[in-house]
Amino acid sequence: MMAFDPVISMRKRNIFKAIDILPDAKSVLVLGLHYPETPIKRLGKPPAEAVGPYVFSQYETNMLLSHMGYDICKTLQSWGYDAFLSHNLTGAGSVVGSPRGY
């Protein structure tokens, strides 16, 4: 018997496109940041074997991307364009909502 018995379920996933959110969309802007290198190098090494520093970096990177994306959307809107911010346009991704991992 396994120490952990996972519950496996199947569900139909809808993959979205930009036109599902903005019907007249002609372009999609993608914004990314390089993760800080040190937390990745330290992952799993003593004395801090916890993933805490890596997860915190992920959380902070996502937060910074949110602020940058918001600023870009507001600028585009001030120029008369429709703009929408999404962390997961297709609906196929996941996110860490806090540095504690949930």
N, C-alpha and C. Protein backbone atom coordinates (compact mmCIF):
# COMPACT_ATOMS: atom_id res chain seq x y z
N MET A 1 0.83 -1.18 0.00
CA MET A 1 0.00 0.00 0.00
C MET A 1 0.88 1.25 0.00
N MET A 2 0.48 2.22 -0.78
CA MET A 2 1.23 3.48 -0.87
C MET A 2 0.91 4.37 0.33
N ALA A 3 1.89 5.19 0.72
CA ALA A 3 1.67 6.15 1.80
C ALA A 3 0.68 7.22 1.36
N PHE A 4 0.63 7.45 0.06
CA PHE A 4 -0.28 8.46 -0.48
C PHE A 4 -1.04 7.83 -1.63
N ASP A 5 -2.33 7.88 -1.57
CA ASP A 5 -3.17 7.32 -2.61
C ASP A 5 -3.82 8.47 -3.38
N PRO A 6 -3.25 8.85 -4.53
CA PRO A 6 -3.76 10.02 -5.25
C PRO A 6 -5.14 9.78 -5.85
N VAL A 7 -5.93 10.83 -5.88
CA VAL A 7 -7.23 10.79 -6.54
C VAL A 7 -7.02 11.32 -7.95
N ILE A 8 -7.31 10.51 -8.93
CA ILE A 8 -7.11 10.89 -10.33
C ILE A 8 -8.47 11.03 -10.98
N SER A 9 -8.69 12.16 -11.63
CA SER A 9 -9.95 12.37 -12.33
C SER A 9 -9.65 13.01 -13.68
N MET A 10 -10.57 12.83 -14.59
CA MET A 10 -10.43 13.43 -15.92
C MET A 10 -11.53 14.45 -16.11
N ARG A 11 -11.18 15.54 -16.77
CA ARG A 11 -12.18 16.55 -17.09
C ARG A 11 -11.82 17.19 -18.42
N LYS A 12 -12.84 17.66 -19.10
CA LYS A 12 -12.62 18.33 -20.38
C LYS A 12 -12.12 19.74 -20.11
N ARG A 13 -11.07 20.12 -20.78
CA ARG A 13 -10.48 21.44 -20.60
C ARG A 13 -10.73 22.28 -21.84
N ASN A 14 -11.21 23.49 -21.63
CA ASN A 14 -11.40 24.42 -22.73
C ASN A 14 -10.13 25.25 -22.90
N ILE A 15 -9.61 25.30 -24.09
CA ILE A 15 -8.45 26.13 -24.39
C ILE A 15 -8.97 27.40 -25.07
N PHE A 16 -8.69 28.54 -24.45
CA PHE A 16 -9.21 29.81 -24.94
C PHE A 16 -8.22 30.49 -25.89
N LYS A 17 -8.76 31.42 -26.66
CA LYS A 17 -7.96 32.25 -27.57
C LYS A 17 -8.24 33.71 -27.24
N ALA A 18 -7.41 34.59 -27.75
CA ALA A 18 -7.59 36.02 -27.48
C ALA A 18 -8.97 36.51 -27.92
N ILE A 19 -9.47 36.00 -29.03
CA ILE A 19 -10.78 36.46 -29.52
C ILE A 19 -11.93 36.01 -28.64
N ASP A 20 -11.69 35.04 -27.74
CA ASP A 20 -12.73 34.66 -26.78
C ASP A 20 -12.93 35.75 -25.74
N ILE A 21 -11.92 36.58 -25.52
CA ILE A 21 -11.99 37.65 -24.53
C ILE A 21 -12.24 39.00 -25.21
N LEU A 22 -11.49 39.27 -26.26
CA LEU A 22 -11.67 40.48 -27.06
C LEU A 22 -11.96 40.05 -28.49
N PRO A 23 -13.24 40.05 -28.89
CA PRO A 23 -13.62 39.51 -30.20
C PRO A 23 -12.89 40.13 -31.40
N ASP A 24 -12.46 41.38 -31.29
CA ASP A 24 -11.76 42.03 -32.41
C ASP A 24 -10.24 41.99 -32.26
N ALA A 25 -9.73 41.13 -31.40
CA ALA A 25 -8.29 41.07 -31.12
C ALA A 25 -7.51 40.73 -32.39
N LYS A 26 -6.43 41.46 -32.61
CA LYS A 26 -5.55 41.21 -33.75
C LYS A 26 -4.15 40.83 -33.30
N SER A 27 -3.83 41.14 -32.05
CA SER A 27 -2.48 40.89 -31.54
C SER A 27 -2.53 40.44 -30.09
N VAL A 28 -1.48 39.74 -29.70
CA VAL A 28 -1.29 39.34 -28.31
C VAL A 28 0.13 39.74 -27.92
N LEU A 29 0.28 40.43 -26.81
CA LEU A 29 1.60 40.76 -26.29
C LEU A 29 1.93 39.76 -25.19
N VAL A 30 3.14 39.27 -25.20
CA VAL A 30 3.60 38.33 -24.17
C VAL A 30 4.75 38.99 -23.43
N LEU A 31 4.65 38.98 -22.11
CA LEU A 31 5.65 39.62 -21.27
C LEU A 31 6.25 38.57 -20.35
N GLY A 32 7.56 38.57 -20.21
CA GLY A 32 8.22 37.60 -19.34
C GLY A 32 9.40 38.21 -18.62
N LEU A 33 9.81 37.56 -17.55
CA LEU A 33 10.97 37.98 -16.77
C LEU A 33 11.85 36.78 -16.51
N HIS A 34 13.14 37.03 -16.43
CA HIS A 34 14.08 35.97 -16.07
C HIS A 34 14.02 35.77 -14.56
N TYR A 35 13.91 34.51 -14.13
CA TYR A 35 13.91 34.23 -12.70
C TYR A 35 15.28 34.55 -12.11
N PRO A 36 15.31 35.02 -10.85
CA PRO A 36 16.61 35.20 -10.20
C PRO A 36 17.36 33.87 -10.15
N GLU A 37 18.64 33.91 -10.43
CA GLU A 37 19.43 32.68 -10.55
C GLU A 37 19.74 32.02 -9.20
N THR A 38 19.98 32.81 -8.17
CA THR A 38 20.42 32.26 -6.89
C THR A 38 19.42 31.29 -6.27
N PRO A 39 18.11 31.61 -6.17
CA PRO A 39 17.19 30.63 -5.58
C PRO A 39 17.15 29.31 -6.34
N ILE A 40 17.32 29.36 -7.65
CA ILE A 40 17.31 28.13 -8.44
C ILE A 40 18.55 27.29 -8.13
N LYS A 41 19.71 27.95 -8.00
CA LYS A 41 20.94 27.22 -7.67
C LYS A 41 20.89 26.63 -6.26
N ARG A 42 20.20 27.31 -5.35
CA ARG A 42 20.15 26.87 -3.95
C ARG A 42 19.10 25.79 -3.70
N LEU A 43 18.21 25.58 -4.64
CA LEU A 43 17.11 24.64 -4.46
C LEU A 43 17.61 23.26 -4.08
N GLY A 44 17.20 22.78 -2.92
CA GLY A 44 17.55 21.44 -2.47
C GLY A 44 18.92 21.30 -1.84
N LYS A 45 19.64 22.40 -1.64
CA LYS A 45 20.97 22.32 -1.03
C LYS A 45 20.92 22.78 0.42
N PRO A 46 21.67 22.12 1.30
CA PRO A 46 21.70 22.54 2.70
C PRO A 46 22.37 23.91 2.82
N PRO A 47 22.11 24.71 3.82
CA PRO A 47 21.24 24.40 4.95
C PRO A 47 19.76 24.65 4.67
N ALA A 48 19.41 25.38 3.63
CA ALA A 48 18.01 25.68 3.35
C ALA A 48 17.49 24.75 2.26
N GLU A 49 17.11 23.54 2.63
CA GLU A 49 16.65 22.57 1.63
C GLU A 49 15.21 22.80 1.22
N ALA A 50 14.51 23.66 1.94
CA ALA A 50 13.12 23.95 1.60
C ALA A 50 13.06 24.72 0.28
N VAL A 51 11.93 24.64 -0.36
CA VAL A 51 11.75 25.35 -1.63
C VAL A 51 11.31 26.79 -1.41
N GLY A 52 11.26 27.22 -0.15
CA GLY A 52 10.77 28.55 0.19
C GLY A 52 11.37 29.69 -0.62
N PRO A 53 12.70 29.80 -0.71
CA PRO A 53 13.27 30.91 -1.48
C PRO A 53 12.86 30.88 -2.95
N TYR A 54 12.77 29.69 -3.54
CA TYR A 54 12.36 29.57 -4.94
C TYR A 54 10.90 29.99 -5.10
N VAL A 55 10.03 29.50 -4.20
CA VAL A 55 8.60 29.82 -4.30
C VAL A 55 8.38 31.31 -4.08
N PHE A 56 9.12 31.90 -3.14
CA PHE A 56 8.98 33.34 -2.91
C PHE A 56 9.40 34.11 -4.16
N SER A 57 10.48 33.69 -4.82
CA SER A 57 10.91 34.34 -6.07
C SER A 57 9.83 34.22 -7.14
N GLN A 58 9.20 33.05 -7.21
CA GLN A 58 8.12 32.85 -8.18
C GLN A 58 6.96 33.79 -7.88
N TYR A 59 6.59 33.90 -6.63
CA TYR A 59 5.50 34.79 -6.22
C TYR A 59 5.82 36.24 -6.58
N GLU A 60 7.03 36.69 -6.23
CA GLU A 60 7.43 38.07 -6.51
C GLU A 60 7.51 38.34 -8.01
N THR A 61 7.99 37.37 -8.78
CA THR A 61 8.06 37.52 -10.23
C THR A 61 6.66 37.67 -10.82
N ASN A 62 5.73 36.83 -10.38
CA ASN A 62 4.34 36.93 -10.85
C ASN A 62 3.73 38.28 -10.48
N MET A 63 4.01 38.76 -9.27
CA MET A 63 3.48 40.05 -8.84
C MET A 63 4.05 41.19 -9.69
N LEU A 64 5.35 41.15 -9.96
CA LEU A 64 5.98 42.18 -10.79
C LEU A 64 5.43 42.15 -12.21
N LEU A 65 5.23 40.95 -12.76
CA LEU A 65 4.63 40.83 -14.09
C LEU A 65 3.22 41.41 -14.11
N SER A 66 2.48 41.22 -13.03
CA SER A 66 1.13 41.78 -12.94
C SER A 66 1.17 43.30 -13.02
N HIS A 67 2.07 43.90 -12.25
CA HIS A 67 2.18 45.36 -12.27
C HIS A 67 2.62 45.87 -13.64
N MET A 68 3.58 45.20 -14.25
CA MET A 68 4.05 45.62 -15.57
C MET A 68 2.94 45.46 -16.62
N GLY A 69 2.24 44.34 -16.58
CA GLY A 69 1.15 44.10 -17.52
C GLY A 69 0.03 45.11 -17.37
N TYR A 70 -0.28 45.45 -16.12
CA TYR A 70 -1.32 46.46 -15.86
C TYR A 70 -0.92 47.80 -16.47
N ASP A 71 0.34 48.20 -16.26
CA ASP A 71 0.82 49.46 -16.82
C ASP A 71 0.75 49.46 -18.35
N ILE A 72 1.11 48.34 -18.96
CA ILE A 72 1.03 48.23 -20.43
C ILE A 72 -0.42 48.36 -20.89
N CYS A 73 -1.34 47.66 -20.21
CA CYS A 73 -2.76 47.74 -20.57
C CYS A 73 -3.28 49.17 -20.46
N LYS A 74 -2.95 49.84 -19.37
CA LYS A 74 -3.42 51.21 -19.18
C LYS A 74 -2.85 52.13 -20.27
N THR A 75 -1.61 51.94 -20.64
CA THR A 75 -1.00 52.75 -21.71
C THR A 75 -1.71 52.50 -23.03
N LEU A 76 -1.92 51.23 -23.38
CA LEU A 76 -2.62 50.90 -24.63
C LEU A 76 -4.03 51.47 -24.64
N GLN A 77 -4.72 51.38 -23.50
CA GLN A 77 -6.07 51.93 -23.42
C GLN A 77 -6.07 53.45 -23.58
N SER A 78 -5.04 54.11 -23.03
CA SER A 78 -4.96 55.57 -23.18
C SER A 78 -4.71 55.97 -24.63
N TRP A 79 -4.16 55.06 -25.42
CA TRP A 79 -3.94 55.29 -26.84
C TRP A 79 -5.15 54.89 -27.68
N GLY A 80 -6.23 54.42 -27.04
CA GLY A 80 -7.45 54.08 -27.75
C GLY A 80 -7.60 52.61 -28.11
N TYR A 81 -6.70 51.76 -27.67
CA TYR A 81 -6.78 50.33 -27.96
C TYR A 81 -7.52 49.60 -26.83
N ASP A 82 -8.18 48.51 -27.17
CA ASP A 82 -8.72 47.62 -26.15
C ASP A 82 -7.56 46.78 -25.64
N ALA A 83 -7.50 46.58 -24.34
CA ALA A 83 -6.41 45.78 -23.77
C ALA A 83 -6.95 44.99 -22.59
N PHE A 84 -6.42 43.80 -22.42
CA PHE A 84 -6.86 42.90 -21.35
C PHE A 84 -5.64 42.19 -20.78
N LEU A 85 -5.54 42.13 -19.46
CA LEU A 85 -4.43 41.46 -18.80
C LEU A 85 -4.86 40.06 -18.38
N SER A 86 -4.06 39.07 -18.75
CA SER A 86 -4.34 37.69 -18.36
C SER A 86 -3.04 37.00 -17.99
N HIS A 87 -3.06 36.28 -16.90
CA HIS A 87 -1.90 35.47 -16.51
C HIS A 87 -1.94 34.11 -17.20
N ASN A 88 -3.09 33.77 -17.76
CA ASN A 88 -3.28 32.43 -18.29
C ASN A 88 -4.33 32.48 -19.39
N LEU A 89 -3.99 33.11 -20.50
CA LEU A 89 -4.94 33.35 -21.57
C LEU A 89 -5.60 32.07 -22.07
N THR A 90 -4.84 31.01 -22.22
CA THR A 90 -5.40 29.77 -22.78
C THR A 90 -6.20 28.97 -21.76
N GLY A 91 -5.98 29.23 -20.46
CA GLY A 91 -6.66 28.45 -19.42
C GLY A 91 -5.96 27.15 -19.12
N ALA A 92 -4.76 26.95 -19.63
CA ALA A 92 -4.06 25.67 -19.47
C ALA A 92 -2.94 25.73 -18.44
N GLY A 93 -2.72 26.86 -17.80
CA GLY A 93 -1.59 27.00 -16.88
C GLY A 93 -2.00 26.91 -15.43
N SER A 94 -1.04 27.17 -14.57
CA SER A 94 -1.28 27.21 -13.13
C SER A 94 -0.48 28.36 -12.55
N VAL A 95 -0.73 28.67 -11.30
CA VAL A 95 -0.04 29.79 -10.67
C VAL A 95 0.11 29.52 -9.18
N VAL A 96 1.15 30.07 -8.60
CA VAL A 96 1.30 30.05 -7.15
C VAL A 96 0.78 31.38 -6.66
N GLY A 97 -0.29 31.35 -5.87
CA GLY A 97 -0.94 32.57 -5.42
C GLY A 97 -0.31 33.23 -4.22
N SER A 98 0.55 32.53 -3.52
CA SER A 98 1.22 33.12 -2.36
C SER A 98 2.58 32.46 -2.19
N PRO A 99 3.49 33.09 -1.43
CA PRO A 99 4.80 32.46 -1.24
C PRO A 99 4.72 31.18 -0.43
N ARG A 100 3.56 30.89 0.13
CA ARG A 100 3.38 29.64 0.87
C ARG A 100 2.92 28.50 -0.04
N GLY A 101 2.71 28.79 -1.32
CA GLY A 101 2.41 27.75 -2.29
C GLY A 101 0.95 27.48 -2.54
N TYR A 102 0.05 28.32 -2.09
CA TYR A 102 -1.38 28.12 -2.35
C TYR A 102 -2.02 29.38 -2.84
